[in-house]
Structure formats: structure tokens, C-alpha cells
N, C-alpha and C. Protein backbone atom coordinates (compact mmCIF):
# COMPACT_ATOMS: atom_id res chain seq x y z
N MET A 1 275.22 -46.87 -34.79
CA MET A 1 274.85 -46.28 -33.37
C MET A 1 275.48 -47.43 -32.76
N ILE A 2 274.95 -47.73 -31.22
CA ILE A 2 275.40 -47.76 -30.08
C ILE A 2 274.55 -48.55 -29.56
N LEU A 3 274.44 -49.98 -29.36
CA LEU A 3 273.87 -50.13 -28.22
C LEU A 3 274.48 -50.36 -26.68
N SER A 4 274.65 -50.30 -25.42
CA SER A 4 275.40 -50.77 -24.77
C SER A 4 274.21 -52.29 -23.86
N PHE A 5 275.34 -53.00 -23.96
CA PHE A 5 275.00 -54.43 -23.51
C PHE A 5 275.12 -54.23 -21.85
N ALA A 6 275.85 -53.26 -21.01
CA ALA A 6 275.75 -53.61 -19.20
C ALA A 6 275.45 -54.28 -18.62
N TRP A 7 274.37 -54.78 -18.49
CA TRP A 7 273.57 -56.25 -17.93
C TRP A 7 274.35 -57.77 -18.66
N THR A 8 274.19 -57.44 -19.85
CA THR A 8 274.51 -59.22 -20.50
C THR A 8 275.54 -59.04 -21.21
N LYS A 9 277.09 -58.49 -21.04
CA LYS A 9 277.96 -57.73 -21.64
C LYS A 9 278.68 -59.99 -21.71
N GLU A 10 278.38 -60.54 -21.32
CA GLU A 10 279.13 -61.95 -21.18
C GLU A 10 278.86 -63.13 -22.16
N GLN A 11 277.38 -62.68 -22.02
CA GLN A 11 276.53 -63.38 -23.48
C GLN A 11 276.60 -62.79 -24.76
N PHE A 12 276.68 -61.50 -24.55
CA PHE A 12 276.83 -61.34 -25.51
C PHE A 12 278.36 -61.31 -26.28
N LEU A 13 279.16 -61.56 -25.64
CA LEU A 13 280.75 -61.61 -26.23
C LEU A 13 280.68 -63.00 -26.50
N ALA A 14 279.84 -64.29 -25.67
CA ALA A 14 279.89 -65.03 -26.23
C ALA A 14 278.67 -65.70 -27.35
N GLY A 15 278.07 -64.68 -27.60
CA GLY A 15 277.49 -65.00 -28.87
C GLY A 15 275.87 -65.78 -28.90
N ILE A 16 276.07 -65.94 -27.22
CA ILE A 16 274.27 -66.59 -27.37
C ILE A 16 273.02 -65.29 -26.97
N LYS A 17 273.26 -63.78 -26.41
CA LYS A 17 272.29 -63.47 -26.52
C LYS A 17 272.17 -62.38 -27.94
N THR A 18 271.02 -63.03 -28.71
CA THR A 18 270.79 -62.33 -30.03
C THR A 18 269.70 -61.87 -30.09
N GLU A 19 269.04 -60.86 -29.00
CA GLU A 19 267.85 -60.33 -29.35
C GLU A 19 268.11 -59.62 -27.79
N THR A 20 267.63 -58.55 -28.18
CA THR A 20 267.50 -57.50 -26.85
C THR A 20 266.50 -56.40 -26.42
N ARG A 21 265.68 -56.22 -25.94
CA ARG A 21 264.52 -55.11 -25.73
C ARG A 21 265.32 -54.06 -24.86
N ARG A 22 264.21 -53.02 -25.46
CA ARG A 22 264.45 -51.42 -24.62
C ARG A 22 263.58 -51.04 -24.83
N ASP A 23 263.64 -49.70 -23.84
CA ASP A 23 262.40 -49.51 -23.28
C ASP A 23 262.74 -47.35 -24.08
N TRP A 24 262.75 -47.84 -25.12
CA TRP A 24 262.72 -46.59 -25.70
C TRP A 24 262.02 -45.57 -26.49
N THR A 25 262.08 -44.11 -26.75
CA THR A 25 260.68 -43.18 -27.28
C THR A 25 260.65 -43.34 -28.43
N GLU A 26 259.99 -43.12 -29.07
CA GLU A 26 259.38 -43.00 -30.28
C GLU A 26 260.64 -42.48 -31.74
N ARG A 27 260.95 -41.58 -30.74
CA ARG A 27 262.03 -41.01 -31.97
C ARG A 27 263.81 -42.46 -31.65
N THR A 28 263.86 -42.86 -30.83
CA THR A 28 265.23 -43.54 -30.94
C THR A 28 264.44 -44.98 -32.11
N LEU A 29 263.22 -45.69 -31.75
CA LEU A 29 263.08 -46.81 -32.75
C LEU A 29 262.64 -46.07 -34.00
N LEU A 30 262.32 -45.15 -34.44
CA LEU A 30 262.43 -44.60 -35.73
C LEU A 30 263.58 -44.85 -36.21
N CYS A 31 264.54 -43.75 -35.09
CA CYS A 31 266.71 -44.37 -36.04
C CYS A 31 266.74 -44.81 -36.01
N TRP A 32 266.26 -46.17 -35.49
CA TRP A 32 266.70 -47.49 -35.67
C TRP A 32 266.53 -48.55 -36.59
N GLN A 33 265.11 -48.10 -36.78
CA GLN A 33 263.75 -48.16 -37.94
C GLN A 33 264.65 -48.01 -39.07
N ASN A 34 265.03 -46.40 -39.22
CA ASN A 34 265.30 -45.51 -40.29
C ASN A 34 266.69 -46.40 -41.11
N ALA A 35 267.48 -46.68 -39.91
CA ALA A 35 268.68 -47.55 -40.46
C ALA A 35 268.11 -49.03 -40.96
N TRP A 36 267.53 -49.69 -40.66
CA TRP A 36 267.56 -50.84 -41.05
C TRP A 36 267.29 -50.61 -42.53
N ASP A 37 266.30 -49.74 -42.38
CA ASP A 37 265.73 -49.43 -44.01
C ASP A 37 266.18 -48.74 -45.36
N GLN A 38 267.49 -48.28 -44.53
CA GLN A 38 267.92 -47.53 -45.37
C GLN A 38 269.66 -48.52 -45.67
N GLY A 39 269.77 -49.82 -44.99
CA GLY A 39 271.00 -50.93 -45.69
C GLY A 39 271.39 -50.83 -44.27
N ARG A 40 271.54 -49.87 -43.35
CA ARG A 40 272.85 -50.17 -42.41
C ARG A 40 272.56 -50.77 -41.28
N HIS A 41 272.34 -51.88 -41.24
CA HIS A 41 272.93 -53.21 -40.60
C HIS A 41 273.55 -53.61 -39.86
N ARG A 42 274.81 -52.65 -39.53
CA ARG A 42 276.37 -52.75 -38.91
C ARG A 42 276.14 -52.24 -37.78
N HIS A 43 275.98 -52.13 -36.49
CA HIS A 43 276.38 -51.57 -35.33
C HIS A 43 277.46 -52.48 -34.44
N LEU A 44 277.81 -50.65 -33.49
CA LEU A 44 278.01 -51.40 -32.06
C LEU A 44 277.99 -51.76 -30.91
N ALA A 45 278.33 -52.51 -30.27
CA ALA A 45 278.25 -53.13 -29.00
C ALA A 45 279.25 -52.23 -27.46
N ALA A 46 278.45 -51.99 -26.70
CA ALA A 46 279.73 -51.39 -25.41
C ALA A 46 279.37 -52.62 -24.27
N ASP A 47 279.99 -52.58 -23.18
CA ASP A 47 279.67 -52.55 -22.08
C ASP A 47 278.98 -51.85 -21.00
N LYS A 48 278.95 -50.57 -21.80
CA LYS A 48 277.96 -49.76 -20.68
C LYS A 48 277.64 -48.79 -21.60
N VAL A 49 276.88 -47.46 -21.15
CA VAL A 49 277.15 -46.57 -21.76
C VAL A 49 278.10 -45.44 -22.41
N LEU A 50 278.37 -44.84 -23.23
CA LEU A 50 279.80 -44.46 -23.35
C LEU A 50 279.90 -43.20 -22.61
N TYR A 51 278.97 -42.15 -22.03
CA TYR A 51 279.08 -41.11 -21.09
C TYR A 51 279.38 -41.79 -19.71
N ALA A 52 279.68 -42.74 -19.01
CA ALA A 52 279.42 -43.19 -17.78
C ALA A 52 281.13 -44.13 -17.80
N GLY A 53 281.38 -44.14 -18.99
CA GLY A 53 282.94 -44.56 -19.57
C GLY A 53 283.39 -46.19 -19.73
N GLY A 54 282.13 -46.57 -20.70
CA GLY A 54 281.98 -47.62 -21.14
C GLY A 54 282.85 -47.81 -22.64
N LYS A 55 283.08 -48.67 -23.03
CA LYS A 55 284.12 -49.56 -24.00
C LYS A 55 283.71 -49.89 -25.01
N ILE A 56 284.16 -49.90 -26.32
CA ILE A 56 283.28 -50.39 -27.91
C ILE A 56 283.71 -52.25 -27.12
N ILE A 57 283.32 -52.95 -27.05
CA ILE A 57 283.33 -54.71 -27.05
C ILE A 57 283.43 -55.47 -28.22
N GLY A 58 283.23 -54.54 -28.89
CA GLY A 58 282.54 -55.80 -30.76
C GLY A 58 281.49 -54.60 -31.38
N GLY A 59 281.28 -55.91 -32.66
CA GLY A 59 280.13 -55.24 -33.13
C GLY A 59 278.74 -56.85 -33.20
N PHE A 60 277.55 -55.61 -33.74
CA PHE A 60 276.66 -56.54 -34.41
C PHE A 60 276.00 -56.36 -35.86
N THR A 61 274.98 -57.62 -36.24
CA THR A 61 274.22 -56.90 -37.26
C THR A 61 272.80 -57.55 -37.27
N LEU A 62 272.30 -55.93 -37.47
CA LEU A 62 270.70 -56.86 -36.99
C LEU A 62 270.28 -57.74 -38.13
N THR A 63 269.64 -58.30 -38.01
CA THR A 63 268.82 -59.51 -38.14
C THR A 63 267.22 -59.26 -38.53
N ALA A 64 266.81 -58.28 -38.32
CA ALA A 64 265.11 -57.65 -38.53
C ALA A 64 264.67 -56.02 -37.63
N ARG A 65 264.24 -55.67 -38.49
CA ARG A 65 263.82 -54.12 -38.49
C ARG A 65 263.00 -54.68 -36.86
N PRO A 66 263.72 -53.30 -35.94
CA PRO A 66 263.16 -53.01 -34.78
C PRO A 66 261.82 -52.91 -34.60
N GLU A 67 261.41 -53.59 -33.69
CA GLU A 67 259.50 -53.33 -33.70
C GLU A 67 259.11 -53.19 -32.35
N ARG A 68 258.19 -53.32 -32.26
CA ARG A 68 257.80 -53.04 -30.68
C ARG A 68 256.80 -54.55 -29.69
N GLN A 69 257.06 -54.74 -29.12
CA GLN A 69 255.82 -55.56 -28.66
C GLN A 69 256.00 -55.72 -27.21
N ALA A 70 254.57 -56.17 -26.64
CA ALA A 70 254.26 -56.58 -25.87
C ALA A 70 255.61 -57.63 -24.28
N LEU A 71 255.70 -57.76 -23.37
CA LEU A 71 256.43 -58.63 -23.16
C LEU A 71 256.09 -59.67 -22.79
N PHE A 72 254.44 -59.77 -22.90
CA PHE A 72 254.09 -61.14 -22.39
C PHE A 72 253.94 -61.99 -23.83
N PHE A 73 253.81 -61.44 -25.35
CA PHE A 73 254.44 -62.25 -26.65
C PHE A 73 255.52 -63.02 -26.29
N MET A 74 256.44 -62.99 -25.49
CA MET A 74 258.06 -64.03 -25.28
C MET A 74 257.78 -64.70 -25.08
N THR A 75 258.68 -66.22 -26.24
CA THR A 75 258.11 -67.48 -25.72
C THR A 75 260.23 -67.66 -25.14
N ASP A 76 260.00 -69.32 -24.98
CA ASP A 76 261.25 -69.03 -24.73
C ASP A 76 262.51 -68.92 -25.43
N ALA A 77 262.36 -69.29 -26.50
CA ALA A 77 263.17 -69.28 -27.56
C ALA A 77 263.63 -67.40 -27.36
N ASN A 78 262.94 -66.68 -27.28
CA ASN A 78 263.11 -65.48 -26.91
C ASN A 78 263.91 -65.53 -25.87
N LEU A 79 263.48 -66.13 -24.38
CA LEU A 79 263.87 -65.99 -23.38
C LEU A 79 265.30 -66.26 -23.59
N LYS A 80 266.30 -67.11 -24.08
CA LYS A 80 267.27 -67.90 -24.28
C LYS A 80 267.70 -66.63 -25.04
N ALA A 81 267.16 -66.25 -26.24
CA ALA A 81 267.93 -65.14 -27.60
C ALA A 81 267.89 -63.95 -26.59
N GLU A 82 267.72 -63.49 -25.41
CA GLU A 82 268.10 -62.91 -24.43
C GLU A 82 269.36 -62.92 -23.46
N GLY A 83 269.80 -64.62 -23.93
CA GLY A 83 271.20 -64.61 -22.77
C GLY A 83 271.00 -65.67 -22.05
N GLY A 84 269.65 -65.81 -21.85
CA GLY A 84 269.36 -66.81 -20.53
C GLY A 84 269.51 -66.18 -19.33
N ILE A 85 268.95 -64.66 -18.88
CA ILE A 85 269.23 -64.25 -18.23
C ILE A 85 267.73 -64.10 -16.62
N ALA A 86 266.56 -65.02 -17.86
CA ALA A 86 265.07 -65.01 -17.38
C ALA A 86 264.76 -66.49 -17.54
N LYS A 87 264.99 -67.46 -16.94
CA LYS A 87 264.11 -68.78 -17.27
C LYS A 87 262.56 -68.78 -18.26
N THR A 88 262.07 -67.60 -17.11
CA THR A 88 260.28 -67.37 -17.38
C THR A 88 259.91 -65.57 -18.19
N VAL A 89 258.96 -65.41 -18.50
CA VAL A 89 258.46 -64.04 -19.07
C VAL A 89 258.36 -63.07 -17.61
N ALA A 90 257.80 -63.74 -16.66
CA ALA A 90 257.54 -63.33 -14.90
C ALA A 90 258.53 -62.35 -14.56
N GLU A 91 259.75 -64.10 -14.93
CA GLU A 91 261.02 -63.54 -14.16
C GLU A 91 262.23 -62.36 -15.06
N PHE A 92 261.37 -63.01 -16.55
CA PHE A 92 262.11 -61.09 -17.28
C PHE A 92 261.59 -60.10 -17.11
N CYS A 93 260.90 -59.73 -16.47
CA CYS A 93 260.04 -58.68 -15.81
C CYS A 93 260.01 -57.83 -14.87
N GLN A 94 260.52 -58.85 -13.75
CA GLN A 94 261.32 -58.90 -12.63
C GLN A 94 262.60 -57.93 -13.28
N ARG A 95 262.90 -58.74 -13.94
CA ARG A 95 264.60 -58.28 -13.45
C ARG A 95 264.94 -56.84 -14.92
N VAL A 96 263.18 -56.94 -15.63
CA VAL A 96 263.59 -54.83 -16.23
C VAL A 96 262.62 -54.34 -15.76
N LYS A 97 262.06 -54.49 -14.73
CA LYS A 97 261.31 -53.58 -13.68
C LYS A 97 260.51 -52.93 -14.90
N GLN A 98 259.02 -53.86 -15.40
CA GLN A 98 258.19 -53.75 -16.36
C GLN A 98 257.04 -55.04 -16.07
N PRO A 99 255.85 -54.53 -16.43
CA PRO A 99 254.75 -55.47 -16.00
C PRO A 99 255.16 -56.05 -17.40
N ALA A 100 254.58 -57.31 -17.86
CA ALA A 100 253.94 -58.31 -18.96
C ALA A 100 253.44 -57.60 -20.09
N GLU A 101 252.89 -55.89 -19.98
CA GLU A 101 251.90 -55.79 -20.56
C GLU A 101 252.50 -55.13 -21.58
N LYS A 102 254.44 -54.02 -20.79
CA LYS A 102 254.67 -53.25 -21.15
C LYS A 102 255.58 -53.37 -23.11
N SER A 103 255.35 -52.75 -23.25
CA SER A 103 255.69 -52.71 -25.19
C SER A 103 256.77 -52.24 -25.21
N MET A 104 257.70 -53.40 -25.38
CA MET A 104 259.29 -52.76 -25.50
C MET A 104 259.62 -52.62 -26.97
N VAL A 105 261.02 -52.55 -27.28
CA VAL A 105 261.43 -52.23 -28.52
C VAL A 105 262.41 -53.75 -28.82
N VAL A 106 262.05 -54.82 -29.68
CA VAL A 106 262.50 -55.99 -29.71
C VAL A 106 263.43 -55.54 -30.63
N VAL A 107 265.38 -55.95 -30.14
CA VAL A 107 266.82 -55.85 -31.03
C VAL A 107 266.76 -56.88 -31.87
N LYS A 108 266.92 -57.50 -32.58
CA LYS A 108 267.50 -59.10 -32.84
C LYS A 108 268.82 -58.93 -33.98
N PHE A 109 269.31 -59.41 -33.44
CA PHE A 109 270.96 -59.54 -33.97
C PHE A 109 272.04 -60.63 -33.77
N GLN A 110 272.98 -60.74 -34.88
CA GLN A 110 273.98 -61.44 -34.95
C GLN A 110 275.11 -60.29 -34.38
N LYS A 111 276.08 -61.29 -32.91
CA LYS A 111 277.68 -60.77 -33.29
C LYS A 111 278.46 -61.08 -34.03
N LEU A 112 278.98 -59.61 -34.63
CA LEU A 112 280.26 -59.72 -35.55
C LEU A 112 281.58 -60.69 -34.94
């Protein structure tokens, strides 16, 4: 499976981004959880979605089973793991155009 890092390509490549939050459907979440449950932890990273001309820029290994979590639960460590694109939860919410109560899928990983 492939994740796009269009907003955070440089942070991914530098290895400082180790978490991402996605507004996925339940079906997409179940696909990623099934991959985790089956031991398929290595996946590909792209600089943007492939159908828009994206290219594979590397790979990553999941370090936890993807799960939903409300944005307001984000800690300073989570913000840093997101690549440092925001200093506060409010700023992160503004960047992703979601309210703090929004439950998003948290994907934790390590760059290969």
C-alpha cells in the first residue's frame, strides 16, 4: 500500500516525520488494520498521489496498528512526530482544516 506525503515530503525524507493523521473512510482504515494484523508492515511512500503524477520516494514500516483518535488528544510529541508542521493542536487543526473534535486515523511509522 502507498501513502502520499505531499505536504511533508521533506520531513519524511529527513526521517523526522514518524506519524501522519488521515481522514480515511472506515473501509480504508480496515485495509490498513488488516495489513497490520497480517504482519504486512512495510509500505511505500509517494511525493503525491500516483494518479496525479506522484513518484515513489521511499518506504516505511508501521510501528503501531492504525487507529482513530480525536485531534485534541495530540501531544507535543505527536506534533513533533508529524514533522513539526504545527506548534499547537489548534494550528495543526487549522492546517488540516478540521475541528479538534475530529477523529482521524493515526498512522505511526519509521522511514526505511
